[in-house]
PDB file of N, CA and C in Angstrom:
ATOM      1  N   MET A   1      66.686  36.945  26.084  1.00  0.00           N
ATOM      2  CA  MET A   1      65.415  37.629  26.103  1.00  0.00           C
ATOM      3  C   MET A   1      65.569  38.955  26.855  1.00  0.00           C
ATOM      4  N   VAL A   2      65.033  40.005  26.285  1.00  0.00           N
ATOM      5  CA  VAL A   2      65.118  41.333  26.879  1.00  0.00           C
ATOM      6  C   VAL A   2      63.835  41.611  27.652  1.00  0.00           C
ATOM      7  N   ASP A   3      63.998  42.098  28.871  1.00  0.00           N
ATOM      8  CA  ASP A   3      62.847  42.465  29.688  1.00  0.00           C
ATOM      9  C   ASP A   3      62.339  43.822  29.215  1.00  0.00           C
ATOM     10  N   HIS A   4      61.063  43.913  28.892  1.00  0.00           N
ATOM     11  CA  HIS A   4      60.485  45.165  28.427  1.00  0.00           C
ATOM     12  C   HIS A   4      59.159  45.417  29.142  1.00  0.00           C
ATOM     13  N   ALA A   5      58.701  46.668  29.059  1.00  0.00           N
ATOM     14  CA  ALA A   5      57.439  47.030  29.700  1.00  0.00           C
ATOM     15  C   ALA A   5      56.288  46.318  29.014  1.00  0.00           C
ATOM     16  N   ALA A   6      55.430  45.702  29.811  1.00  0.00           N
ATOM     17  CA  ALA A   6      54.284  44.978  29.264  1.00  0.00           C
ATOM     18  C   ALA A   6      53.083  45.897  29.026  1.00  0.00           C
ATOM     19  N   LEU A   7      53.021  47.010  29.756  1.00  0.00           N
ATOM     20  CA  LEU A   7      51.912  47.951  29.637  1.00  0.00           C
ATOM     21  C   LEU A   7      52.424  49.332  29.287  1.00  0.00           C
ATOM     22  N   ASP A   8      51.598  50.109  28.628  1.00  0.00           N
ATOM     23  CA  ASP A   8      51.924  51.493  28.295  1.00  0.00           C
ATOM     24  C   ASP A   8      51.820  52.329  29.582  1.00  0.00           C
ATOM     25  N   ALA A   9      52.945  52.830  30.055  1.00  0.00           N
ATOM     26  CA  ALA A   9      52.983  53.572  31.321  1.00  0.00           C
ATOM     27  C   ALA A   9      52.083  54.805  31.291  1.00  0.00           C
ATOM     28  N   ALA A  10      51.965  55.461  30.154  1.00  0.00           N
ATOM     29  CA  ALA A  10      51.124  56.661  30.060  1.00  0.00           C
ATOM     30  C   ALA A  10      49.653  56.305  30.256  1.00  0.00           C
ATOM     31  N   VAL A  11      49.212  55.174  29.720  1.00  0.00           N
ATOM     32  CA  VAL A  11      47.821  54.737  29.892  1.00  0.00           C
ATOM     33  C   VAL A  11      47.574  54.351  31.349  1.00  0.00           C
ATOM     34  N   VAL A  12      48.503  53.609  31.949  1.00  0.00           N
ATOM     35  CA  VAL A  12      48.382  53.238  33.359  1.00  0.00           C
ATOM     36  C   VAL A  12      48.297  54.495  34.216  1.00  0.00           C
ATOM     37  N   ARG A  13      49.178  55.448  33.964  1.00  0.00           N
ATOM     38  CA  ARG A  13      49.222  56.694  34.738  1.00  0.00           C
ATOM     39  C   ARG A  13      47.873  57.428  34.648  1.00  0.00           C
ATOM     40  N   GLN A  14      47.318  57.522  33.449  1.00  0.00           N
ATOM     41  CA  GLN A  14      46.050  58.225  33.244  1.00  0.00           C
ATOM     42  C   GLN A  14      44.917  57.559  34.032  1.00  0.00           C
ATOM     43  N   ILE A  15      44.854  56.243  34.009  1.00  0.00           N
ATOM     44  CA  ILE A  15      43.814  55.509  34.736  1.00  0.00           C
ATOM     45  C   ILE A  15      43.963  55.711  36.242  1.00  0.00           C
ATOM     46  N   VAL A  16      45.176  55.571  36.745  1.00  0.00           N
ATOM     47  CA  VAL A  16      45.420  55.673  38.189  1.00  0.00           C
ATOM     48  C   VAL A  16      45.137  57.090  38.699  1.00  0.00           C
ATOM     49  N   LEU A  17      45.455  58.102  37.905  1.00  0.00           N
ATOM     50  CA  LEU A  17      45.197  59.482  38.326  1.00  0.00           C
ATOM     51  C   LEU A  17      43.705  59.777  38.470  1.00  0.00           C
ATOM     52  N   GLY A  18      42.855  58.941  37.903  1.00  0.00           N
ATOM     53  CA  GLY A  18      41.415  59.104  38.048  1.00  0.00           C
ATOM     54  C   GLY A  18      40.859  58.592  39.361  1.00  0.00           C
ATOM     55  N   VAL A  19      41.671  57.923  40.153  1.00  0.00           N
ATOM     56  CA  VAL A  19      41.237  57.380  41.442  1.00  0.00           C
ATOM     57  C   VAL A  19      41.300  58.486  42.499  1.00  0.00           C
ATOM     58  N   PRO A  20      40.213  58.688  43.256  1.00  0.00           N
ATOM     59  CA  PRO A  20      40.235  59.708  44.314  1.00  0.00           C
ATOM     60  C   PRO A  20      41.399  59.482  45.285  1.00  0.00           C
ATOM     61  N   SER A  21      41.969  60.549  45.764  1.00  0.00           N
ATOM     62  CA  SER A  21      43.093  60.595  46.708  1.00  0.00           C
ATOM     63  C   SER A  21      44.455  60.422  46.042  1.00  0.00           C
ATOM     64  N   ILE A  22      44.516  60.055  44.772  1.00  0.00           N
ATOM     65  CA  ILE A  22      45.799  59.935  44.076  1.00  0.00           C
ATOM     66  C   ILE A  22      46.160  61.287  43.490  1.00  0.00           C
ATOM     67  N   GLU A  23      47.317  61.809  43.882  1.00  0.00           N
ATOM     68  CA  GLU A  23      47.766  63.104  43.391  1.00  0.00           C
ATOM     69  C   GLU A  23      48.804  62.986  42.288  1.00  0.00           C
ATOM     70  N   ASP A  24      49.570  61.882  42.268  1.00  0.00           N
ATOM     71  CA  ASP A  24      50.605  61.725  41.252  1.00  0.00           C
ATOM     72  C   ASP A  24      50.963  60.250  41.136  1.00  0.00           C
ATOM     73  N   VAL A  25      51.356  59.855  39.953  1.00  0.00           N
ATOM     74  CA  VAL A  25      51.901  58.523  39.729  1.00  0.00           C
ATOM     75  C   VAL A  25      53.388  58.731  39.473  1.00  0.00           C
ATOM     76  N   VAL A  26      54.193  58.373  40.445  1.00  0.00           N
ATOM     77  CA  VAL A  26      55.628  58.646  40.414  1.00  0.00           C
ATOM     78  C   VAL A  26      56.360  57.642  39.535  1.00  0.00           C
ATOM     79  N   GLU A  27      55.946  56.384  39.584  1.00  0.00           N
ATOM     80  CA  GLU A  27      56.656  55.349  38.834  1.00  0.00           C
ATOM     81  C   GLU A  27      55.705  54.229  38.432  1.00  0.00           C
ATOM     82  N   VAL A  28      55.881  53.741  37.195  1.00  0.00           N
ATOM     83  CA  VAL A  28      55.120  52.604  36.677  1.00  0.00           C
ATOM     84  C   VAL A  28      56.124  51.611  36.107  1.00  0.00           C
ATOM     85  N   LYS A  29      56.110  50.392  36.622  1.00  0.00           N
ATOM     86  CA  LYS A  29      56.963  49.321  36.099  1.00  0.00           C
ATOM     87  C   LYS A  29      56.078  48.129  35.811  1.00  0.00           C
ATOM     88  N   SER A  30      56.180  47.594  34.602  1.00  0.00           N
ATOM     89  CA  SER A  30      55.406  46.399  34.268  1.00  0.00           C
ATOM     90  C   SER A  30      56.305  45.425  33.519  1.00  0.00           C
ATOM     91  N   ARG A  31      55.970  44.159  33.673  1.00  0.00           N
ATOM     92  CA  ARG A  31      56.730  43.120  32.975  1.00  0.00           C
ATOM     93  C   ARG A  31      55.813  41.942  32.729  1.00  0.00           C
ATOM     94  N   GLY A  32      56.254  41.070  31.864  1.00  0.00           N
ATOM     95  CA  GLY A  32      55.486  39.868  31.576  1.00  0.00           C
ATOM     96  C   GLY A  32      54.906  39.885  30.179  1.00  0.00           C
ATOM     97  N   SER A  33      54.047  38.912  29.930  1.00  0.00           N
ATOM     98  CA  SER A  33      53.402  38.797  28.628  1.00  0.00           C
ATOM     99  C   SER A  33      52.016  39.421  28.689  1.00  0.00           C
ATOM    100  N   GLU A  34      51.367  39.534  27.562  1.00  0.00           N
ATOM    101  CA  GLU A  34      50.056  40.177  27.476  1.00  0.00           C
ATOM    102  C   GLU A  34      49.018  39.539  28.400  1.00  0.00           C
ATOM    103  N   ASP A  35      49.127  38.225  28.612  1.00  0.00           N
ATOM    104  CA  ASP A  35      48.142  37.538  29.452  1.00  0.00           C
ATOM    105  C   ASP A  35      48.651  37.209  30.854  1.00  0.00           C
ATOM    106  N   ASP A  36      49.825  37.738  31.222  1.00  0.00           N
ATOM    107  CA  ASP A  36      50.404  37.496  32.554  1.00  0.00           C
ATOM    108  C   ASP A  36      51.270  38.694  32.940  1.00  0.00           C
ATOM    109  N   VAL A  37      50.615  39.817  33.215  1.00  0.00           N
ATOM    110  CA  VAL A  37      51.309  41.081  33.480  1.00  0.00           C
ATOM    111  C   VAL A  37      51.496  41.269  34.984  1.00  0.00           C
ATOM    112  N   HIS A  38      52.688  41.713  35.358  1.00  0.00           N
ATOM    113  CA  HIS A  38      53.021  42.037  36.742  1.00  0.00           C
ATOM    114  C   HIS A  38      53.354  43.531  36.774  1.00  0.00           C
ATOM    115  N   LEU A  39      52.691  44.256  37.674  1.00  0.00           N
ATOM    116  CA  LEU A  39      52.766  45.710  37.697  1.00  0.00           C
ATOM    117  C   LEU A  39      53.215  46.202  39.063  1.00  0.00           C
ATOM    118  N   GLU A  40      54.106  47.190  39.067  1.00  0.00           N
ATOM    119  CA  GLU A  40      54.534  47.874  40.292  1.00  0.00           C
ATOM    120  C   GLU A  40      54.263  49.360  40.110  1.00  0.00           C
ATOM    121  N   LEU A  41      53.613  49.958  41.099  1.00  0.00           N
ATOM    122  CA  LEU A  41      53.279  51.379  41.055  1.00  0.00           C
ATOM    123  C   LEU A  41      53.809  52.091  42.291  1.00  0.00           C
ATOM    124  N   LEU A  42      54.245  53.313  42.101  1.00  0.00           N
ATOM    125  CA  LEU A  42      54.581  54.211  43.193  1.00  0.00           C
ATOM    126  C   LEU A  42      53.705  55.438  42.996  1.00  0.00           C
ATOM    127  N   VAL A  43      52.772  55.646  43.932  1.00  0.00           N
ATOM    128  CA  VAL A  43      51.815  56.745  43.797  1.00  0.00           C
ATOM    129  C   VAL A  43      51.911  57.676  44.990  1.00  0.00           C
ATOM    130  N   ARG A  44      51.582  58.938  44.747  1.00  0.00           N
ATOM    131  CA  ARG A  44      51.549  59.951  45.808  1.00  0.00           C
ATOM    132  C   ARG A  44      50.081  60.226  46.117  1.00  0.00           C
ATOM    133  N   VAL A  45      49.739  60.175  47.403  1.00  0.00           N
ATOM    134  CA  VAL A  45      48.351  60.393  47.812  1.00  0.00           C
ATOM    135  C   VAL A  45      48.159  61.795  48.376  1.00  0.00           C
ATOM    136  N   ALA A  46      46.900  62.188  48.464  1.00  0.00           N
ATOM    137  CA  ALA A  46      46.547  63.501  48.993  1.00  0.00           C
ATOM    138  C   ALA A  46      47.009  63.634  50.441  1.00  0.00           C
ATOM    139  N   PRO A  47      47.306  64.857  50.863  1.00  0.00           N
ATOM    140  CA  PRO A  47      47.718  65.075  52.257  1.00  0.00           C
ATOM    141  C   PRO A  47      46.669  64.557  53.232  1.00  0.00           C
ATOM    142  N   LEU A  48      47.139  63.983  54.313  1.00  0.00           N
ATOM    143  CA  LEU A  48      46.313  63.483  55.406  1.00  0.00           C
ATOM    144  C   LEU A  48      45.381  62.331  55.016  1.00  0.00           C
ATOM    145  N   THR A  49      45.690  61.635  53.918  1.00  0.00           N
ATOM    146  CA  THR A  49      44.922  60.431  53.589  1.00  0.00           C
ATOM    147  C   THR A  49      45.261  59.380  54.637  1.00  0.00           C
ATOM    148  N   PRO A  50      44.271  58.862  55.333  1.00  0.00           N
ATOM    149  CA  PRO A  50      44.553  57.876  56.384  1.00  0.00           C
ATOM    150  C   PRO A  50      45.179  56.602  55.825  1.00  0.00           C
ATOM    151  N   VAL A  51      46.119  56.061  56.549  1.00  0.00           N
ATOM    152  CA  VAL A  51      46.777  54.821  56.155  1.00  0.00           C
ATOM    153  C   VAL A  51      45.742  53.712  55.999  1.00  0.00           C
ATOM    154  N   GLU A  52      44.697  53.762  56.803  1.00  0.00           N
ATOM    155  CA  GLU A  52      43.653  52.745  56.757  1.00  0.00           C
ATOM    156  C   GLU A  52      42.958  52.669  55.398  1.00  0.00           C
ATOM    157  N   HIS A  53      43.036  53.726  54.606  1.00  0.00           N
ATOM    158  CA  HIS A  53      42.394  53.748  53.298  1.00  0.00           C
ATOM    159  C   HIS A  53      43.276  53.168  52.195  1.00  0.00           C
ATOM    160  N   SER A  54      44.510  52.829  52.507  1.00  0.00           N
ATOM    161  CA  SER A  54      45.433  52.374  51.465  1.00  0.00           C
ATOM    162  C   SER A  54      44.953  51.107  50.756  1.00  0.00           C
ATOM    163  N   ALA A  55      44.433  50.148  51.478  1.00  0.00           N
ATOM    164  CA  ALA A  55      43.960  48.909  50.846  1.00  0.00           C
ATOM    165  C   ALA A  55      42.775  49.189  49.927  1.00  0.00           C
ATOM    166  N   ALA A  56      41.859  50.048  50.367  1.00  0.00           N
ATOM    167  CA  ALA A  56      40.697  50.381  49.544  1.00  0.00           C
ATOM    168  C   ALA A  56      41.111  51.142  48.287  1.00  0.00           C
ATOM    169  N   ILE A  57      42.072  52.035  48.422  1.00  0.00           N
ATOM    170  CA  ILE A  57      42.564  52.779  47.261  1.00  0.00           C
ATOM    171  C   ILE A  57      43.248  51.822  46.289  1.00  0.00           C
ATOM    172  N   ALA A  58      44.067  50.917  46.814  1.00  0.00           N
ATOM    173  CA  ALA A  58      44.739  49.929  45.961  1.00  0.00           C
ATOM    174  C   ALA A  58      43.721  49.033  45.261  1.00  0.00           C
ATOM    175  N   ASP A  59      42.661  48.649  45.962  1.00  0.00           N
ATOM    176  CA  ASP A  59      41.599  47.843  45.347  1.00  0.00           C
ATOM    177  C   ASP A  59      40.956  48.592  44.180  1.00  0.00           C
ATOM    178  N   GLU A  60      40.685  49.871  44.380  1.00  0.00           N
ATOM    179  CA  GLU A  60      40.065  50.668  43.315  1.00  0.00           C
ATOM    180  C   GLU A  60      41.014  50.828  42.128  1.00  0.00           C
ATOM    181  N   ILE A  61      42.291  51.024  42.398  1.00  0.00           N
ATOM    182  CA  ILE A  61      43.279  51.087  41.313  1.00  0.00           C
ATOM    183  C   ILE A  61      43.241  49.775  40.525  1.00  0.00           C
ATOM    184  N   GLY A  62      43.275  48.659  41.232  1.00  0.00           N
ATOM    185  CA  GLY A  62      43.239  47.352  40.579  1.00  0.00           C
ATOM    186  C   GLY A  62      41.971  47.141  39.774  1.00  0.00           C
ATOM    187  N   ARG A  63      40.833  47.537  40.326  1.00  0.00           N
ATOM    188  CA  ARG A  63      39.555  47.374  39.623  1.00  0.00           C
ATOM    189  C   ARG A  63      39.567  48.146  38.306  1.00  0.00           C
ATOM    190  N   ARG A  64      40.030  49.384  38.357  1.00  0.00           N
ATOM    191  CA  ARG A  64      40.056  50.213  37.146  1.00  0.00           C
ATOM    192  C   ARG A  64      41.060  49.697  36.116  1.00  0.00           C
ATOM    193  N   LEU A  65      42.217  49.233  36.575  1.00  0.00           N
ATOM    194  CA  LEU A  65      43.228  48.734  35.640  1.00  0.00           C
ATOM    195  C   LEU A  65      42.805  47.418  35.000  1.00  0.00           C
ATOM    196  N   ARG A  66      42.097  46.565  35.752  1.00  0.00           N
ATOM    197  CA  ARG A  66      41.643  45.281  35.186  1.00  0.00           C
ATOM    198  C   ARG A  66      40.623  45.471  34.071  1.00  0.00           C
ATOM    199  N   VAL A  67      39.881  46.568  34.100  1.00  0.00           N
ATOM    200  CA  VAL A  67      38.943  46.858  33.010  1.00  0.00           C
ATOM    201  C   VAL A  67      39.709  47.057  31.707  1.00  0.00           C
ATOM    202  N   GLN A  68      40.834  47.748  31.777  1.00  0.00           N
ATOM    203  CA  GLN A  68      41.634  48.061  30.586  1.00  0.00           C
ATOM    204  C   GLN A  68      42.596  46.934  30.220  1.00  0.00           C
ATOM    205  N   PHE A  69      43.168  46.271  31.224  1.00  0.00           N
ATOM    206  CA  PHE A  69      44.213  45.270  30.985  1.00  0.00           C
ATOM    207  C   PHE A  69      43.763  43.920  31.556  1.00  0.00           C
ATOM    208  N   LYS A  70      43.218  43.077  30.717  1.00  0.00           N
ATOM    209  CA  LYS A  70      42.652  41.793  31.152  1.00  0.00           C
ATOM    210  C   LYS A  70      43.721  40.823  31.685  1.00  0.00           C
ATOM    211  N   GLY A  71      44.972  40.963  31.245  1.00  0.00           N
ATOM    212  CA  GLY A  71      46.022  40.034  31.652  1.00  0.00           C
ATOM    213  C   GLY A  71      46.763  40.425  32.915  1.00  0.00           C
ATOM    214  N   LEU A  72      46.250  41.403  33.655  1.00  0.00           N
ATOM    215  CA  LEU A  72      46.920  41.868  34.872  1.00  0.00           C
ATOM    216  C   LEU A  72      46.853  40.781  35.944  1.00  0.00           C
ATOM    217  N   ALA A  73      47.996  40.185  36.256  1.00  0.00           N
ATOM    218  CA  ALA A  73      48.049  39.063  37.203  1.00  0.00           C
ATOM    219  C   ALA A  73      48.326  39.529  38.624  1.00  0.00           C
ATOM    220  N   THR A  74      49.327  40.364  38.817  1.00  0.00           N
ATOM    221  CA  THR A  74      49.663  40.873  40.151  1.00  0.00           C
ATOM    222  C   THR A  74      49.976  42.355  40.065  1.00  0.00           C
ATOM    223  N   MET A  75      49.797  43.018  41.202  1.00  0.00           N
ATOM    224  CA  MET A  75      50.060  44.452  41.252  1.00  0.00           C
ATOM    225  C   MET A  75      50.563  44.797  42.651  1.00  0.00           C
ATOM    226  N   ASP A  76      51.669  45.511  42.712  1.00  0.00           N
ATOM    227  CA  ASP A  76      52.190  46.052  43.965  1.00  0.00           C
ATOM    228  C   ASP A  76      51.998  47.559  43.909  1.00  0.00           C
ATOM    229  N   VAL A  77      51.369  48.111  44.934  1.00  0.00           N
ATOM    230  CA  VAL A  77      51.161  49.559  45.011  1.00  0.00           C
ATOM    231  C   VAL A  77      51.914  50.075  46.223  1.00  0.00           C
ATOM    232  N   ASN A  78      52.803  51.014  45.997  1.00  0.00           N
ATOM    233  CA  ASN A  78      53.527  51.678  47.081  1.00  0.00           C
ATOM    234  C   ASN A  78      53.020  53.110  47.149  1.00  0.00           C
ATOM    235  N   PHE A  79      52.728  53.577  48.361  1.00  0.00           N
ATOM    236  CA  PHE A  79      52.168  54.902  48.558  1.00  0.00           C
ATOM    237  C   PHE A  79      53.192  55.845  49.178  1.00  0.00           C
ATOM    238  N   LEU A  80      53.160  57.094  48.712  1.00  0.00           N
ATOM    239  CA  LEU A  80      53.924  58.188  49.304  1.00  0.00           C
ATOM    240  C   LEU A  80      52.937  59.250  49.763  1.00  0.00           C
ATOM    241  N   PRO A  81      53.182  59.900  50.882  1.00  0.00           N
ATOM    242  CA  PRO A  81      52.321  61.034  51.242  1.00  0.00           C
ATOM    243  C   PRO A  81      52.584  62.180  50.279  1.00  0.00           C
ATOM    244  N   ALA A  82      51.602  63.059  50.110  1.00  0.00           N
ATOM    245  CA  ALA A  82      51.758  64.192  49.195  1.00  0.00           C
ATOM    246  C   ALA A  82      52.898  65.097  49.646  1.00  0.00           C
ATOM    247  N   HIS A  83      53.055  65.233  50.944  1.00  0.00           N
ATOM    248  CA  HIS A  83      54.166  66.022  51.490  1.00  0.00           C
ATOM    249  C   HIS A  83      54.341  65.624  52.947  1.00  0.00           C
ATOM    250  N   GLU A  84      55.497  65.871  53.444  1.00  0.00           N
ATOM    251  CA  GLU A  84      55.746  65.599  54.860  1.00  0.00           C
ATOM    252  C   GLU A  84      55.254  66.783  55.687  1.00  0.00           C
ATOM    253  N   LEU A  85      54.533  66.501  56.734  1.00  0.00           N
ATOM    254  CA  LEU A  85      54.106  67.555  57.642  1.00  0.00           C
ATOM    255  C   LEU A  85      55.258  67.931  58.562  1.00  0.00           C
ATOM    256  N   PRO A  86      55.339  69.192  58.957  1.00  0.00           N
ATOM    257  CA  PRO A  86      56.339  69.570  59.954  1.00  0.00           C
ATOM    258  C   PRO A  86      56.081  68.795  61.247  1.00  0.00           C
ATOM    259  N   LEU A  87      57.134  68.532  61.992  1.00  0.00           N
ATOM    260  CA  LEU A  87      57.030  67.773  63.232  1.00  0.00           C
ATOM    261  C   LEU A  87      55.981  68.346  64.173  1.00  0.00           C
ATOM    262  N   ILE A  88      55.887  69.648  64.246  1.00  0.00           N
ATOM    263  CA  ILE A  88      54.918  70.276  65.145  1.00  0.00           C
ATOM    264  C   ILE A  88      53.487  69.880  64.771  1.00  0.00           C
ATOM    265  N   MET A  89      53.215  69.718  63.479  1.00  0.00           N
ATOM    266  CA  MET A  89      51.877  69.316  63.052  1.00  0.00           C
ATOM    267  C   MET A  89      51.575  67.880  63.483  1.00  0.00           C
ATOM    268  N   HIS A  90      52.585  67.022  63.400  1.00  0.00           N
ATOM    269  CA  HIS A  90      52.393  65.649  63.873  1.00  0.00           C
ATOM    270  C   HIS A  90      52.001  65.643  65.343  1.00  0.00           C
ATOM    271  N   LYS A  91      52.689  66.475  66.120  1.00  0.00           N
ATOM    272  CA  LYS A  91      52.406  66.532  67.546  1.00  0.00           C
ATOM    273  C   LYS A  91      51.036  67.138  67.817  1.00  0.00           C
ATOM    274  N   LEU A  92      50.712  68.221  67.119  1.00  0.00           N
ATOM    275  CA  LEU A  92      49.431  68.882  67.329  1.00  0.00           C
ATOM    276  C   LEU A  92      48.260  67.996  66.924  1.00  0.00           C
ATOM    277  N   LEU A  93      48.399  67.312  65.832  1.00  0.00           N
ATOM    278  CA  LEU A  93      47.309  66.472  65.336  1.00  0.00           C
ATOM    279  C   LEU A  93      47.367  65.057  65.898  1.00  0.00           C
ATOM    280  N   ARG A  94      48.459  64.774  66.637  1.00  0.00           N
ATOM    281  CA  ARG A  94      48.683  63.446  67.204  1.00  0.00           C
ATOM    282  C   ARG A  94      48.608  62.350  66.140  1.00  0.00           C
ATOM    283  N   LEU A  95      49.269  62.650  65.050  1.00  0.00           N
ATOM    284  CA  LEU A  95      49.300  61.701  63.941  1.00  0.00           C
ATOM    285  C   LEU A  95      50.573  60.892  63.994  1.00  0.00           C
ATOM    286  N   ARG A  96      50.465  59.688  63.637  1.00  0.00           N
ATOM    287  CA  ARG A  96      51.643  58.849  63.472  1.00  0.00           C
ATOM    288  C   ARG A  96      51.654  58.404  62.019  1.00  0.00           C
ATOM    289  N   LEU A  97      52.213  59.234  61.176  1.00  0.00           N
ATOM    290  CA  LEU A  97      52.218  58.960  59.747  1.00  0.00           C
ATOM    291  C   LEU A  97      53.529  58.310  59.344  1.00  0.00           C
ATOM    292  N   SER A  98      53.448  57.267  58.607  1.00  0.00           N
ATOM    293  CA  SER A  98      54.628  56.629  58.051  1.00  0.00           C
ATOM    294  C   SER A  98      54.841  57.203  56.665  1.00  0.00           C
ATOM    295  N   PRO A  99      56.084  57.496  56.287  1.00  0.00           N
ATOM    296  CA  PRO A  99      56.305  58.045  54.947  1.00  0.00           C
ATOM    297  C   PRO A  99      56.015  57.032  53.846  1.00  0.00           C
ATOM    298  N   TRP A 100      56.016  55.753  54.160  1.00  0.00           N
ATOM    299  CA  TRP A 100      55.735  54.725  53.156  1.00  0.00           C
ATOM    300  C   TRP A 100      54.659  53.789  53.675  1.00  0.00           C
ATOM    301  N   VAL A 101      53.749  53.450  52.827  1.00  0.00           N
ATOM    302  CA  VAL A 101      52.760  52.428  53.124  1.00  0.00           C
ATOM    303  C   VAL A 101      52.821  51.454  51.971  1.00  0.00           C
ATOM    304  N   PHE A 102      52.913  50.169  52.264  1.00  0.00           N
ATOM    305  CA  PHE A 102      53.032  49.170  51.213  1.00  0.00           C
ATOM    306  C   PHE A 102      51.811  48.275  51.208  1.00  0.00           C
ATOM    307  N   VAL A 103      51.239  48.123  50.054  1.00  0.00           N
ATOM    308  CA  VAL A 103      50.116  47.215  49.890  1.00  0.00           C
ATOM    309  C   VAL A 103      50.429  46.319  48.709  1.00  0.00           C
ATOM    310  N   CYS A 104      50.360  45.030  48.920  1.00  0.00           N
ATOM    311  CA  CYS A 104      50.547  44.074  47.841  1.00  0.00           C
ATOM    312  C   CYS A 104      49.231  43.343  47.680  1.00  0.00           C
ATOM    313  N   MET A 105      48.739  43.319  46.459  1.00  0.00           N
ATOM    314  CA  MET A 105      47.461  42.663  46.259  1.00  0.00           C
ATOM    315  C   MET A 105      47.498  41.801  45.016  1.00  0.00           C
ATOM    316  N   LYS A 106      46.803  40.685  45.059  1.00  0.00           N
ATOM    317  CA  LYS A 106      46.564  39.879  43.863  1.00  0.00           C
ATOM    318  C   LYS A 106      45.345  40.489  43.185  1.00  0.00           C
ATOM    319  N   CYS A 107      45.445  40.710  41.913  1.00  0.00           N
ATOM    320  CA  CYS A 107      44.381  41.411  41.209  1.00  0.00           C
ATOM    321  C   CYS A 107      43.125  40.587  41.003  1.00  0.00           C
ATOM    322  N   ASP A 108      43.108  39.328  41.421  1.00  0.00           N
ATOM    323  CA  ASP A 108      41.902  38.541  41.243  1.00  0.00           C
ATOM    324  C   ASP A 108      40.983  38.613  42.462  1.00  0.00           C
ATOM    325  N   HIS A 109      41.303  39.443  43.429  1.00  0.00           N
ATOM    326  CA  HIS A 109      40.428  39.607  44.596  1.00  0.00           C
ATOM    327  C   HIS A 109      39.336  40.615  44.254  1.00  0.00           C
ATOM    328  N   GLY A 110      38.100  40.229  44.377  1.00  0.00           N
ATOM    329  CA  GLY A 110      36.993  41.157  44.187  1.00  0.00           C
ATOM    330  C   GLY A 110      36.499  41.610  45.540  1.00  0.00           C
ATOM    331  N   ARG A 111      36.706  42.872  45.873  1.00  0.00           N
ATOM    332  CA  ARG A 111      36.348  43.344  47.211  1.00  0.00           C
ATOM    333  C   ARG A 111      35.227  44.372  47.198  1.00  0.00           C
ATOM    334  N   GLY A 112      34.644  44.637  46.057  1.00  0.00           N
ATOM    335  CA  GLY A 112      33.523  45.578  46.027  1.00  0.00           C
ATOM    336  C   GLY A 112      33.959  47.027  46.056  1.00  0.00           C
ATOM    337  N   GLU A 113      33.036  47.878  46.334  1.00  0.00           N
ATOM    338  CA  GLU A 113      33.294  49.307  46.313  1.00  0.00           C
ATOM    339  C   GLU A 113      34.025  49.763  47.574  1.00  0.00           C
ATOM    340  N   TRP A 114      34.708  50.841  47.492  1.00  0.00           N
ATOM    341  CA  TRP A 114      35.452  51.370  48.621  1.00  0.00           C
ATOM    342  C   TRP A 114      34.900  52.730  49.006  1.00  0.00           C
ATOM    343  N   PRO A 115      35.065  53.124  50.247  1.00  0.00           N
ATOM    344  CA  PRO A 115      34.562  54.438  50.658  1.00  0.00           C
ATOM    345  C   PRO A 115      35.406  55.538  50.041  1.00  0.00           C
ATOM    346  N   HIS A 116      34.754  56.479  49.417  1.00  0.00           N
ATOM    347  CA  HIS A 116      35.487  57.581  48.792  1.00  0.00           C
ATOM    348  C   HIS A 116      35.982  58.539  49.868  1.00  0.00           C
ATOM    349  N   VAL A 117      37.225  58.936  49.721  1.00  0.00           N
ATOM    350  CA  VAL A 117      37.841  59.820  50.721  1.00  0.00           C
ATOM    351  C   VAL A 117      38.137  61.154  50.114  1.00  0.00           C
TER     352      VAL A 117
END
């Protein structure tokens, strides 16, 4: 059996780009059958998006994708900052930004609306 993409990456990319704070969809990987899809995303977020918003953004991505893809079983969303700030900016703003934020969510969680950033 050959492993193939379960979802059309271009459609996934278009939906995800509609979520506020998402600047780019770097990678889309999907596998499984039509009624049991597993999705991995690597997305780039807007500069200075707080890490605390990552779960809410991932929830909104999941909500929008479930409308289009009923068989979406699990989804992993990995976040990248839009760009790295110079070290001096980190010190001036007293930010502790991690270059990677990982959120893993089961798509059957209904968490309601998220605060728009």
